[in-house]
Amino acid sequence: MPEIVIPVTLFASIFGVVYMFLTTRHKERIAMIEKGMDVSLLTKKSENSSPINFWVIKVGLLMVGIAIGVFLGSLASKGLMDEDEAYPTMILLFGGLALLSSYFLEKKLRKAD
């Protein structure tokens, strides 16, 4: 029984946060419409926004970093480290390096625009 409590609580918490976010956003927009304000201000992109979706680059590089971390973790667990240490260490190391590289790539691409 206690094993099921943690996943149920996790999913209920995630649902609660998403539900509150969406209902609050809806109420805010309804209030803006009632006051006669322009709702398109909420979705208008800034003039400096780029057509490149940087979150796609970030997520893609993170997945590649995690895959490299899993691969090198399996290699390190064979001879260099214990298996309990090798996998998390390599996954976090290469995931972090991937996020750092995505930051610098995004910075370079924004500068080029």
PDB file of N, CA and C in Angstrom:
ATOM      1  N   MET A   1       0.803  -1.208   0.000  1.00  0.00           N
ATOM      2  CA  MET A   1       0.000   0.000   0.000  1.00  0.00           C
ATOM      3  C   MET A   1       0.844   1.271   0.000  1.00  0.00           C
ATOM      4  N   PRO A   2       1.898   1.377   0.839  1.00  0.00           N
ATOM      5  CA  PRO A   2       2.680   2.619   0.835  1.00  0.00           C
ATOM      6  C   PRO A   2       3.399   2.872  -0.490  1.00  0.00           C
ATOM      7  N   GLU A   3       3.630   1.814  -1.269  1.00  0.00           N
ATOM      8  CA  GLU A   3       4.333   2.003  -2.546  1.00  0.00           C
ATOM      9  C   GLU A   3       3.490   2.794  -3.537  1.00  0.00           C
ATOM     10  N   ILE A   4       2.176   2.705  -3.419  1.00  0.00           N
ATOM     11  CA  ILE A   4       1.300   3.394  -4.359  1.00  0.00           C
ATOM     12  C   ILE A   4       1.062   4.847  -3.966  1.00  0.00           C
ATOM     13  N   VAL A   5       1.302   5.190  -2.726  1.00  0.00           N
ATOM     14  CA  VAL A   5       1.013   6.535  -2.249  1.00  0.00           C
ATOM     15  C   VAL A   5       1.917   7.569  -2.922  1.00  0.00           C
ATOM     16  N   ILE A   6       3.180   7.253  -3.103  1.00  0.00           N
ATOM     17  CA  ILE A   6       4.130   8.212  -3.670  1.00  0.00           C
ATOM     18  C   ILE A   6       3.787   8.549  -5.126  1.00  0.00           C
ATOM     19  N   PRO A   7       3.578   7.565  -6.013  1.00  0.00           N
ATOM     20  CA  PRO A   7       3.220   7.941  -7.392  1.00  0.00           C
ATOM     21  C   PRO A   7       1.882   8.673  -7.486  1.00  0.00           C
ATOM     22  N   VAL A   8       0.910   8.255  -6.684  1.00  0.00           N
ATOM     23  CA  VAL A   8      -0.392   8.927  -6.718  1.00  0.00           C
ATOM     24  C   VAL A   8      -0.246  10.372  -6.261  1.00  0.00           C
ATOM     25  N   THR A   9       0.524  10.594  -5.207  1.00  0.00           N
ATOM     26  CA  THR A   9       0.747  11.953  -4.715  1.00  0.00           C
ATOM     27  C   THR A   9       1.488  12.791  -5.746  1.00  0.00           C
ATOM     28  N   LEU A  10       2.474  12.204  -6.400  1.00  0.00           N
ATOM     29  CA  LEU A  10       3.237  12.920  -7.429  1.00  0.00           C
ATOM     30  C   LEU A  10       2.325  13.363  -8.569  1.00  0.00           C
ATOM     31  N   PHE A  11       1.536  12.433  -9.106  1.00  0.00           N
ATOM     32  CA  PHE A  11       0.664  12.781 -10.222  1.00  0.00           C
ATOM     33  C   PHE A  11      -0.439  13.742  -9.805  1.00  0.00           C
ATOM     34  N   ALA A  12      -0.952  13.602  -8.592  1.00  0.00           N
ATOM     35  CA  ALA A  12      -1.965  14.535  -8.105  1.00  0.00           C
ATOM     36  C   ALA A  12      -1.381  15.931  -7.951  1.00  0.00           C
ATOM     37  N   SER A  13      -0.152  16.022  -7.488  1.00  0.00           N
ATOM     38  CA  SER A  13       0.500  17.326  -7.341  1.00  0.00           C
ATOM     39  C   SER A  13       0.729  17.979  -8.700  1.00  0.00           C
ATOM     40  N   ILE A  14       1.204  17.213  -9.654  1.00  0.00           N
ATOM     41  CA  ILE A  14       1.434  17.750 -10.999  1.00  0.00           C
ATOM     42  C   ILE A  14       0.113  18.215 -11.609  1.00  0.00           C
ATOM     43  N   PHE A  15      -0.935  17.403 -11.464  1.00  0.00           N
ATOM     44  CA  PHE A  15      -2.238  17.785 -11.982  1.00  0.00           C
ATOM     45  C   PHE A  15      -2.735  19.067 -11.313  1.00  0.00           C
ATOM     46  N   GLY A  16      -2.552  19.161 -10.003  1.00  0.00           N
ATOM     47  CA  GLY A  16      -2.996  20.342  -9.265  1.00  0.00           C
ATOM     48  C   GLY A  16      -2.296  21.600  -9.719  1.00  0.00           C
ATOM     49  N   VAL A  17      -0.993  21.537  -9.933  1.00  0.00           N
ATOM     50  CA  VAL A  17      -0.237  22.704 -10.373  1.00  0.00           C
ATOM     51  C   VAL A  17      -0.670  23.134 -11.776  1.00  0.00           C
ATOM     52  N   VAL A  18      -0.795  22.179 -12.683  1.00  0.00           N
ATOM     53  CA  VAL A  18      -1.208  22.502 -14.051  1.00  0.00           C
ATOM     54  C   VAL A  18      -2.632  23.058 -14.060  1.00  0.00           C
ATOM     55  N   TYR A  19      -3.526  22.461 -13.288  1.00  0.00           N
ATOM     56  CA  TYR A  19      -4.910  22.932 -13.214  1.00  0.00           C
ATOM     57  C   TYR A  19      -4.969  24.364 -12.686  1.00  0.00           C
ATOM     58  N   MET A  20      -4.240  24.638 -11.613  1.00  0.00           N
ATOM     59  CA  MET A  20      -4.237  25.990 -11.051  1.00  0.00           C
ATOM     60  C   MET A  20      -3.658  27.006 -12.039  1.00  0.00           C
ATOM     61  N   PHE A  21      -2.609  26.622 -12.740  1.00  0.00           N
ATOM     62  CA  PHE A  21      -2.010  27.520 -13.731  1.00  0.00           C
ATOM     63  C   PHE A  21      -3.010  27.861 -14.827  1.00  0.00           C
ATOM     64  N   LEU A  22      -3.672  26.842 -15.353  1.00  0.00           N
ATOM     65  CA  LEU A  22      -4.598  27.079 -16.455  1.00  0.00           C
ATOM     66  C   LEU A  22      -5.831  27.865 -16.017  1.00  0.00           C
ATOM     67  N   THR A  23      -6.381  27.552 -14.857  1.00  0.00           N
ATOM     68  CA  THR A  23      -7.565  28.291 -14.410  1.00  0.00           C
ATOM     69  C   THR A  23      -7.221  29.736 -14.053  1.00  0.00           C
ATOM     70  N   THR A  24      -6.061  29.958 -13.470  1.00  0.00           N
ATOM     71  CA  THR A  24      -5.654  31.324 -13.148  1.00  0.00           C
ATOM     72  C   THR A  24      -5.434  32.140 -14.416  1.00  0.00           C
ATOM     73  N   ARG A  25      -4.801  31.528 -15.404  1.00  0.00           N
ATOM     74  CA  ARG A  25      -4.576  32.223 -16.675  1.00  0.00           C
ATOM     75  C   ARG A  25      -5.902  32.555 -17.347  1.00  0.00           C
ATOM     76  N   HIS A  26      -6.848  31.625 -17.296  1.00  0.00           N
ATOM     77  CA  HIS A  26      -8.165  31.857 -17.898  1.00  0.00           C
ATOM     78  C   HIS A  26      -8.886  33.011 -17.193  1.00  0.00           C
ATOM     79  N   LYS A  27      -8.868  33.002 -15.869  1.00  0.00           N
ATOM     80  CA  LYS A  27      -9.528  34.072 -15.108  1.00  0.00           C
ATOM     81  C   LYS A  27      -8.880  35.428 -15.394  1.00  0.00           C
ATOM     82  N   GLU A  28      -7.569  35.439 -15.533  1.00  0.00           N
ATOM     83  CA  GLU A  28      -6.865  36.683 -15.833  1.00  0.00           C
ATOM     84  C   GLU A  28      -7.279  37.224 -17.200  1.00  0.00           C
ATOM     85  N   ARG A  29      -7.368  36.352 -18.166  1.00  0.00           N
ATOM     86  CA  ARG A  29      -7.764  36.792 -19.512  1.00  0.00           C
ATOM     87  C   ARG A  29      -9.212  37.246 -19.566  1.00  0.00           C
ATOM     88  N   ILE A  30     -10.079  36.554 -18.847  1.00  0.00           N
ATOM     89  CA  ILE A  30     -11.482  36.976 -18.793  1.00  0.00           C
ATOM     90  C   ILE A  30     -11.590  38.360 -18.161  1.00  0.00           C
ATOM     91  N   ALA A  31     -10.821  38.597 -17.087  1.00  0.00           N
ATOM     92  CA  ALA A  31     -10.842  39.913 -16.435  1.00  0.00           C
ATOM     93  C   ALA A  31     -10.329  40.998 -17.382  1.00  0.00           C
ATOM     94  N   MET A  32      -9.323  40.678 -18.179  1.00  0.00           N
ATOM     95  CA  MET A  32      -8.810  41.651 -19.139  1.00  0.00           C
ATOM     96  C   MET A  32      -9.852  41.976 -20.207  1.00  0.00           C
ATOM     97  N   ILE A  33     -10.568  40.949 -20.664  1.00  0.00           N
ATOM     98  CA  ILE A  33     -11.600  41.175 -21.672  1.00  0.00           C
ATOM     99  C   ILE A  33     -12.722  42.032 -21.101  1.00  0.00           C
ATOM    100  N   GLU A  34     -13.125  41.775 -19.851  1.00  0.00           N
ATOM    101  CA  GLU A  34     -14.191  42.542 -19.221  1.00  0.00           C
ATOM    102  C   GLU A  34     -13.807  44.004 -19.041  1.00  0.00           C
ATOM    103  N   LYS A  35     -12.521  44.280 -18.816  1.00  0.00           N
ATOM    104  CA  LYS A  35     -12.071  45.659 -18.651  1.00  0.00           C
ATOM    105  C   LYS A  35     -11.794  46.337 -19.981  1.00  0.00           C
ATOM    106  N   GLY A  36     -11.905  45.594 -21.081  1.00  0.00           N
ATOM    107  CA  GLY A  36     -11.702  46.171 -22.391  1.00  0.00           C
ATOM    108  C   GLY A  36     -10.255  46.207 -22.844  1.00  0.00           C
ATOM    109  N   MET A  37      -9.400  45.481 -22.165  1.00  0.00           N
ATOM    110  CA  MET A  37      -7.985  45.455 -22.547  1.00  0.00           C
ATOM    111  C   MET A  37      -7.777  44.500 -23.720  1.00  0.00           C
ATOM    112  N   ASP A  38      -6.678  44.683 -24.410  1.00  0.00           N
ATOM    113  CA  ASP A  38      -6.344  43.849 -25.561  1.00  0.00           C
ATOM    114  C   ASP A  38      -5.631  42.594 -25.083  1.00  0.00           C
ATOM    115  N   VAL A  39      -6.230  41.437 -25.318  1.00  0.00           N
ATOM    116  CA  VAL A  39      -5.666  40.166 -24.861  1.00  0.00           C
ATOM    117  C   VAL A  39      -4.491  39.740 -25.738  1.00  0.00           C
ATOM    118  N   SER A  40      -4.390  40.283 -26.926  1.00  0.00           N
ATOM    119  CA  SER A  40      -3.291  39.903 -27.810  1.00  0.00           C
ATOM    120  C   SER A  40      -1.942  40.345 -27.245  1.00  0.00           C
ATOM    121  N   LEU A  41      -1.943  41.221 -26.256  1.00  0.00           N
ATOM    122  CA  LEU A  41      -0.683  41.619 -25.625  1.00  0.00           C
ATOM    123  C   LEU A  41      -0.026  40.455 -24.901  1.00  0.00           C
ATOM    124  N   LEU A  42      -0.813  39.510 -24.452  1.00  0.00           N
ATOM    125  CA  LEU A  42      -0.264  38.364 -23.732  1.00  0.00           C
ATOM    126  C   LEU A  42       0.459  37.398 -24.652  1.00  0.00           C
ATOM    127  N   THR A  43       0.031  37.314 -25.893  1.00  0.00           N
ATOM    128  CA  THR A  43       0.630  36.360 -26.816  1.00  0.00           C
ATOM    129  C   THR A  43       1.540  37.015 -27.843  1.00  0.00           C
ATOM    130  N   LYS A  44       1.661  38.323 -27.816  1.00  0.00           N
ATOM    131  CA  LYS A  44       2.486  39.023 -28.790  1.00  0.00           C
ATOM    132  C   LYS A  44       3.959  38.748 -28.519  1.00  0.00           C
ATOM    133  N   LYS A  45       4.670  38.396 -29.572  1.00  0.00           N
ATOM    134  CA  LYS A  45       6.099  38.151 -29.438  1.00  0.00           C
ATOM    135  C   LYS A  45       6.852  39.463 -29.503  1.00  0.00           C
ATOM    136  N   SER A  46       7.987  39.482 -28.848  1.00  0.00           N
ATOM    137  CA  SER A  46       8.788  40.696 -28.870  1.00  0.00           C
ATOM    138  C   SER A  46       9.445  40.858 -30.231  1.00  0.00           C
ATOM    139  N   GLU A  47       9.934  42.061 -30.493  1.00  0.00           N
ATOM    140  CA  GLU A  47      10.569  42.321 -31.782  1.00  0.00           C
ATOM    141  C   GLU A  47      11.904  41.614 -31.905  1.00  0.00           C
ATOM    142  N   ASN A  48      12.514  41.261 -30.769  1.00  0.00           N
ATOM    143  CA  ASN A  48      13.811  40.588 -30.790  1.00  0.00           C
ATOM    144  C   ASN A  48      13.691  39.079 -30.878  1.00  0.00           C
ATOM    145  N   SER A  49      12.460  38.556 -30.931  1.00  0.00           N
ATOM    146  CA  SER A  49      12.302  37.110 -30.948  1.00  0.00           C
ATOM    147  C   SER A  49      12.743  36.558 -32.304  1.00  0.00           C
ATOM    148  N   SER A  50      13.306  35.387 -32.243  1.00  0.00           N
ATOM    149  CA  SER A  50      13.847  34.745 -33.429  1.00  0.00           C
ATOM    150  C   SER A  50      12.916  33.616 -33.852  1.00  0.00           C
ATOM    151  N   PRO A  51      12.887  33.295 -35.137  1.00  0.00           N
ATOM    152  CA  PRO A  51      12.037  32.181 -35.568  1.00  0.00           C
ATOM    153  C   PRO A  51      12.590  30.823 -35.132  1.00  0.00           C
ATOM    154  N   ILE A  52      13.814  30.790 -34.650  1.00  0.00           N
ATOM    155  CA  ILE A  52      14.418  29.533 -34.219  1.00  0.00           C
ATOM    156  C   ILE A  52      13.810  29.135 -32.878  1.00  0.00           C
ATOM    157  N   ASN A  53      13.382  27.894 -32.759  1.00  0.00           N
ATOM    158  CA  ASN A  53      12.874  27.381 -31.493  1.00  0.00           C
ATOM    159  C   ASN A  53      14.053  26.862 -30.673  1.00  0.00           C
ATOM    160  N   PHE A  54      14.492  27.662 -29.715  1.00  0.00           N
ATOM    161  CA  PHE A  54      15.666  27.283 -28.945  1.00  0.00           C
ATOM    162  C   PHE A  54      15.380  26.145 -27.980  1.00  0.00           C
ATOM    163  N   TRP A  55      14.129  25.964 -27.587  1.00  0.00           N
ATOM    164  CA  TRP A  55      13.840  24.869 -26.671  1.00  0.00           C
ATOM    165  C   TRP A  55      14.036  23.531 -27.365  1.00  0.00           C
ATOM    166  N   VAL A  56      13.843  23.486 -28.678  1.00  0.00           N
ATOM    167  CA  VAL A  56      14.063  22.249 -29.422  1.00  0.00           C
ATOM    168  C   VAL A  56      15.549  21.899 -29.409  1.00  0.00           C
ATOM    169  N   ILE A  57      16.389  22.899 -29.606  1.00  0.00           N
ATOM    170  CA  ILE A  57      17.832  22.678 -29.560  1.00  0.00           C
ATOM    171  C   ILE A  57      18.251  22.223 -28.166  1.00  0.00           C
ATOM    172  N   LYS A  58      17.705  22.871 -27.155  1.00  0.00           N
ATOM    173  CA  LYS A  58      18.063  22.549 -25.776  1.00  0.00           C
ATOM    174  C   LYS A  58      17.662  21.122 -25.411  1.00  0.00           C
ATOM    175  N   VAL A  59      16.429  20.743 -25.733  1.00  0.00           N
ATOM    176  CA  VAL A  59      15.959  19.401 -25.409  1.00  0.00           C
ATOM    177  C   VAL A  59      16.708  18.353 -26.226  1.00  0.00           C
ATOM    178  N   GLY A  60      16.970  18.649 -27.478  1.00  0.00           N
ATOM    179  CA  GLY A  60      17.707  17.710 -28.320  1.00  0.00           C
ATOM    180  C   GLY A  60      19.112  17.470 -27.808  1.00  0.00           C
ATOM    181  N   LEU A  61      19.812  18.542 -27.466  1.00  0.00           N
ATOM    182  CA  LEU A  61      21.160  18.371 -26.937  1.00  0.00           C
ATOM    183  C   LEU A  61      21.147  17.677 -25.577  1.00  0.00           C
ATOM    184  N   LEU A  62      20.132  17.938 -24.767  1.00  0.00           N
ATOM    185  CA  LEU A  62      20.031  17.259 -23.478  1.00  0.00           C
ATOM    186  C   LEU A  62      19.837  15.762 -23.668  1.00  0.00           C
ATOM    187  N   MET A  63      18.987  15.368 -24.603  1.00  0.00           N
ATOM    188  CA  MET A  63      18.775  13.941 -24.858  1.00  0.00           C
ATOM    189  C   MET A  63      20.044  13.270 -25.384  1.00  0.00           C
ATOM    190  N   VAL A  64      20.769  13.960 -26.245  1.00  0.00           N
ATOM    191  CA  VAL A  64      22.038  13.416 -26.736  1.00  0.00           C
ATOM    192  C   VAL A  64      23.024  13.287 -25.585  1.00  0.00           C
ATOM    193  N   GLY A  65      23.082  14.279 -24.713  1.00  0.00           N
ATOM    194  CA  GLY A  65      23.978  14.225 -23.560  1.00  0.00           C
ATOM    195  C   GLY A  65      23.623  13.092 -22.622  1.00  0.00           C
ATOM    196  N   ILE A  66      22.345  12.867 -22.389  1.00  0.00           N
ATOM    197  CA  ILE A  66      21.923  11.766 -21.529  1.00  0.00           C
ATOM    198  C   ILE A  66      22.281  10.424 -22.162  1.00  0.00           C
ATOM    199  N   ALA A  67      22.084  10.307 -23.473  1.00  0.00           N
ATOM    200  CA  ALA A  67      22.431   9.060 -24.155  1.00  0.00           C
ATOM    201  C   ALA A  67      23.925   8.778 -24.072  1.00  0.00           C
ATOM    202  N   ILE A  68      24.729   9.806 -24.269  1.00  0.00           N
ATOM    203  CA  ILE A  68      26.182   9.638 -24.145  1.00  0.00           C
ATOM    204  C   ILE A  68      26.537   9.271 -22.709  1.00  0.00           C
ATOM    205  N   GLY A  69      25.859   9.891 -21.744  1.00  0.00           N
ATOM    206  CA  GLY A  69      26.104   9.576 -20.342  1.00  0.00           C
ATOM    207  C   GLY A  69      25.767   8.145 -19.995  1.00  0.00           C
ATOM    208  N   VAL A  70      24.659   7.629 -20.524  1.00  0.00           N
ATOM    209  CA  VAL A  70      24.288   6.236 -20.279  1.00  0.00           C
ATOM    210  C   VAL A  70      25.314   5.299 -20.903  1.00  0.00           C
ATOM    211  N   PHE A  71      25.727   5.611 -22.124  1.00  0.00           N
ATOM    212  CA  PHE A  71      26.711   4.770 -22.807  1.00  0.00           C
ATOM    213  C   PHE A  71      28.039   4.747 -22.060  1.00  0.00           C
ATOM    214  N   LEU A  72      28.535   5.930 -21.707  1.00  0.00           N
ATOM    215  CA  LEU A  72      29.817   5.974 -21.000  1.00  0.00           C
ATOM    216  C   LEU A  72      29.693   5.469 -19.565  1.00  0.00           C
ATOM    217  N   GLY A  73      28.507   5.574 -18.974  1.00  0.00           N
ATOM    218  CA  GLY A  73      28.268   4.991 -17.659  1.00  0.00           C
ATOM    219  C   GLY A  73      28.353   3.482 -17.698  1.00  0.00           C
ATOM    220  N   SER A  74      27.832   2.887 -18.767  1.00  0.00           N
ATOM    221  CA  SER A  74      27.932   1.435 -18.895  1.00  0.00           C
ATOM    222  C   SER A  74      29.377   1.003 -19.112  1.00  0.00           C
ATOM    223  N   LEU A  75      30.122   1.798 -19.870  1.00  0.00           N
ATOM    224  CA  LEU A  75      31.549   1.469 -20.047  1.00  0.00           C
ATOM    225  C   LEU A  75      32.327   1.638 -18.752  1.00  0.00           C
ATOM    226  N   ALA A  76      32.036   2.694 -17.999  1.00  0.00           N
ATOM    227  CA  ALA A  76      32.754   2.949 -16.753  1.00  0.00           C
ATOM    228  C   ALA A  76      32.396   1.927 -15.683  1.00  0.00           C
ATOM    229  N   SER A  77      31.183   1.384 -15.726  1.00  0.00           N
ATOM    230  CA  SER A  77      30.788   0.406 -14.716  1.00  0.00           C
ATOM    231  C   SER A  77      31.475  -0.934 -14.923  1.00  0.00           C
ATOM    232  N   LYS A  78      31.996  -1.155 -16.111  1.00  0.00           N
ATOM    233  CA  LYS A  78      32.682  -2.420 -16.393  1.00  0.00           C
ATOM    234  C   LYS A  78      34.068  -2.485 -15.753  1.00  0.00           C
ATOM    235  N   GLY A  79      34.727  -1.331 -15.564  1.00  0.00           N
ATOM    236  CA  GLY A  79      36.075  -1.426 -15.038  1.00  0.00           C
ATOM    237  C   GLY A  79      36.505  -0.293 -14.135  1.00  0.00           C
ATOM    238  N   LEU A  80      36.025   0.897 -14.372  1.00  0.00           N
ATOM    239  CA  LEU A  80      36.539   2.041 -13.639  1.00  0.00           C
ATOM    240  C   LEU A  80      35.807   2.334 -12.334  1.00  0.00           C
ATOM    241  N   MET A  81      34.490   2.225 -12.333  1.00  0.00           N
ATOM    242  CA  MET A  81      33.682   2.634 -11.187  1.00  0.00           C
ATOM    243  C   MET A  81      32.670   1.552 -10.852  1.00  0.00           C
ATOM    244  N   ASP A  82      32.053   1.705  -9.671  1.00  0.00           N
ATOM    245  CA  ASP A  82      30.926   0.847  -9.333  1.00  0.00           C
ATOM    246  C   ASP A  82      29.732   1.259 -10.189  1.00  0.00           C
ATOM    247  N   GLU A  83      28.838   0.314 -10.419  1.00  0.00           N
ATOM    248  CA  GLU A  83      27.672   0.605 -11.254  1.00  0.00           C
ATOM    249  C   GLU A  83      26.763   1.649 -10.602  1.00  0.00           C
ATOM    250  N   ASP A  84      26.683   1.625  -9.270  1.00  0.00           N
ATOM    251  CA  ASP A  84      25.834   2.588  -8.564  1.00  0.00           C
ATOM    252  C   ASP A  84      26.345   4.014  -8.715  1.00  0.00           C
ATOM    253  N   GLU A  85      27.626   4.183  -8.950  1.00  0.00           N
ATOM    254  CA  GLU A  85      28.206   5.516  -9.110  1.00  0.00           C
ATOM    255  C   GLU A  85      28.330   5.917 -10.569  1.00  0.00           C
ATOM    256  N   ALA A  86      28.597   4.963 -11.434  1.00  0.00           N
ATOM    257  CA  ALA A  86      28.926   5.264 -12.822  1.00  0.00           C
ATOM    258  C   ALA A  86      27.752   5.887 -13.585  1.00  0.00           C
ATOM    259  N   TYR A  87      26.581   5.275 -13.514  1.00  0.00           N
ATOM    260  CA  TYR A  87      25.450   5.762 -14.297  1.00  0.00           C
ATOM    261  C   TYR A  87      25.011   7.179 -13.908  1.00  0.00           C
ATOM    262  N   PRO A  88      24.714   7.427 -12.622  1.00  0.00           N
ATOM    263  CA  PRO A  88      24.276   8.801 -12.300  1.00  0.00           C
ATOM    264  C   PRO A  88      25.348   9.845 -12.566  1.00  0.00           C
ATOM    265  N   THR A  89      26.596   9.502 -12.297  1.00  0.00           N
ATOM    266  CA  THR A  89      27.675  10.456 -12.513  1.00  0.00           C
ATOM    267  C   THR A  89      27.789  10.843 -13.979  1.00  0.00           C
ATOM    268  N   MET A  90      27.814   9.854 -14.841  1.00  0.00           N
ATOM    269  CA  MET A  90      27.976  10.131 -16.269  1.00  0.00           C
ATOM    270  C   MET A  90      26.735  10.808 -16.861  1.00  0.00           C
ATOM    271  N   ILE A  91      25.558  10.399 -16.432  1.00  0.00           N
ATOM    272  CA  ILE A  91      24.335  11.020 -16.953  1.00  0.00           C
ATOM    273  C   ILE A  91      24.283  12.490 -16.557  1.00  0.00           C
ATOM    274  N   LEU A  92      24.562  12.782 -15.290  1.00  0.00           N
ATOM    275  CA  LEU A  92      24.532  14.181 -14.847  1.00  0.00           C
ATOM    276  C   LEU A  92      25.647  14.998 -15.491  1.00  0.00           C
ATOM    277  N   LEU A  93      26.829  14.407 -15.621  1.00  0.00           N
ATOM    278  CA  LEU A  93      27.955  15.119 -16.223  1.00  0.00           C
ATOM    279  C   LEU A  93      27.657  15.491 -17.670  1.00  0.00           C
ATOM    280  N   PHE A  94      27.252  14.526 -18.474  1.00  0.00           N
ATOM    281  CA  PHE A  94      27.036  14.811 -19.887  1.00  0.00           C
ATOM    282  C   PHE A  94      25.721  15.540 -20.144  1.00  0.00           C
ATOM    283  N   GLY A  95      24.728  15.351 -19.293  1.00  0.00           N
ATOM    284  CA  GLY A  95      23.510  16.157 -19.398  1.00  0.00           C
ATOM    285  C   GLY A  95      23.805  17.618 -19.119  1.00  0.00           C
ATOM    286  N   GLY A  96      24.613  17.883 -18.089  1.00  0.00           N
ATOM    287  CA  GLY A  96      25.008  19.256 -17.774  1.00  0.00           C
ATOM    288  C   GLY A  96      25.854  19.879 -18.868  1.00  0.00           C
ATOM    289  N   LEU A  97      26.784  19.101 -19.412  1.00  0.00           N
ATOM    290  CA  LEU A  97      27.601  19.615 -20.514  1.00  0.00           C
ATOM    291  C   LEU A  97      26.740  19.925 -21.739  1.00  0.00           C
ATOM    292  N   ALA A  98      25.732  19.099 -21.977  1.00  0.00           N
ATOM    293  CA  ALA A  98      24.833  19.361 -23.108  1.00  0.00           C
ATOM    294  C   ALA A  98      24.044  20.647 -22.895  1.00  0.00           C
ATOM    295  N   LEU A  99      23.587  20.894 -21.669  1.00  0.00           N
ATOM    296  CA  LEU A  99      22.851  22.128 -21.400  1.00  0.00           C
ATOM    297  C   LEU A  99      23.764  23.345 -21.506  1.00  0.00           C
ATOM    298  N   LEU A 100      24.999  23.220 -21.052  1.00  0.00           N
ATOM    299  CA  LEU A 100      25.952  24.318 -21.211  1.00  0.00           C
ATOM    300  C   LEU A 100      26.223  24.602 -22.684  1.00  0.00           C
ATOM    301  N   SER A 101      26.407  23.548 -23.470  1.00  0.00           N
ATOM    302  CA  SER A 101      26.659  23.756 -24.897  1.00  0.00           C
ATOM    303  C   SER A 101      25.434  24.368 -25.586  1.00  0.00           C
ATOM    304  N   SER A 102      24.226  23.986 -25.151  1.00  0.00           N
ATOM    305  CA  SER A 102      23.036  24.595 -25.752  1.00  0.00           C
ATOM    306  C   SER A 102      22.937  26.074 -25.389  1.00  0.00           C
ATOM    307  N   TYR A 103      23.369  26.434 -24.184  1.00  0.00           N
ATOM    308  CA  TYR A 103      23.364  27.846 -23.783  1.00  0.00           C
ATOM    309  C   TYR A 103      24.292  28.657 -24.677  1.00  0.00           C
ATOM    310  N   PHE A 104      25.515  28.161 -24.869  1.00  0.00           N
ATOM    311  CA  PHE A 104      26.472  28.901 -25.693  1.00  0.00           C
ATOM    312  C   PHE A 104      26.058  28.910 -27.156  1.00  0.00           C
ATOM    313  N   LEU A 105      25.456  27.826 -27.643  1.00  0.00           N
ATOM    314  CA  LEU A 105      24.961  27.803 -29.015  1.00  0.00           C
ATOM    315  C   LEU A 105      23.821  28.795 -29.198  1.00  0.00           C
ATOM    316  N   GLU A 106      22.904  28.853 -28.235  1.00  0.00           N
ATOM    317  CA  GLU A 106      21.800  29.800 -28.303  1.00  0.00           C
ATOM    318  C   GLU A 106      22.322  31.225 -28.266  1.00  0.00           C
ATOM    319  N   LYS A 107      23.303  31.480 -27.412  1.00  0.00           N
ATOM    320  CA  LYS A 107      23.894  32.820 -27.309  1.00  0.00           C
ATOM    321  C   LYS A 107      24.540  33.222 -28.647  1.00  0.00           C
ATOM    322  N   LYS A 108      25.237  32.271 -29.259  1.00  0.00           N
ATOM    323  CA  LYS A 108      25.892  32.543 -30.552  1.00  0.00           C
ATOM    324  C   LYS A 108      24.854  32.790 -31.643  1.00  0.00           C
ATOM    325  N   LEU A 109      23.783  32.005 -31.671  1.00  0.00           N
ATOM    326  CA  LEU A 109      22.764  32.170 -32.700  1.00  0.00           C
ATOM    327  C   LEU A 109      21.980  33.468 -32.525  1.00  0.00           C
ATOM    328  N   ARG A 110      21.737  33.863 -31.280  1.00  0.00           N
ATOM    329  CA  ARG A 110      21.045  35.137 -31.034  1.00  0.00           C
ATOM    330  C   ARG A 110      21.914  36.319 -31.443  1.00  0.00           C
ATOM    331  N   LYS A 111      23.207  36.187 -31.224  1.00  0.00           N
ATOM    332  CA  LYS A 111      24.130  37.254 -31.601  1.00  0.00           C
ATOM    333  C   LYS A 111      24.202  37.385 -33.126  1.00  0.00           C
ATOM    334  N   ALA A 112      24.102  36.243 -33.836  1.00  0.00           N
ATOM    335  CA  ALA A 112      24.164  36.254 -35.295  1.00  0.00           C
ATOM    336  C   ALA A 112      22.926  36.940 -35.892  1.00  0.00           C
ATOM    337  N   ASP A 113      21.793  36.880 -35.181  1.00  0.00           N
ATOM    338  CA  ASP A 113      20.555  37.524 -35.685  1.00  0.00           C
ATOM    339  C   ASP A 113      20.651  38.974 -35.497  1.00  0.00           C
TER     340      ASP A 113
END
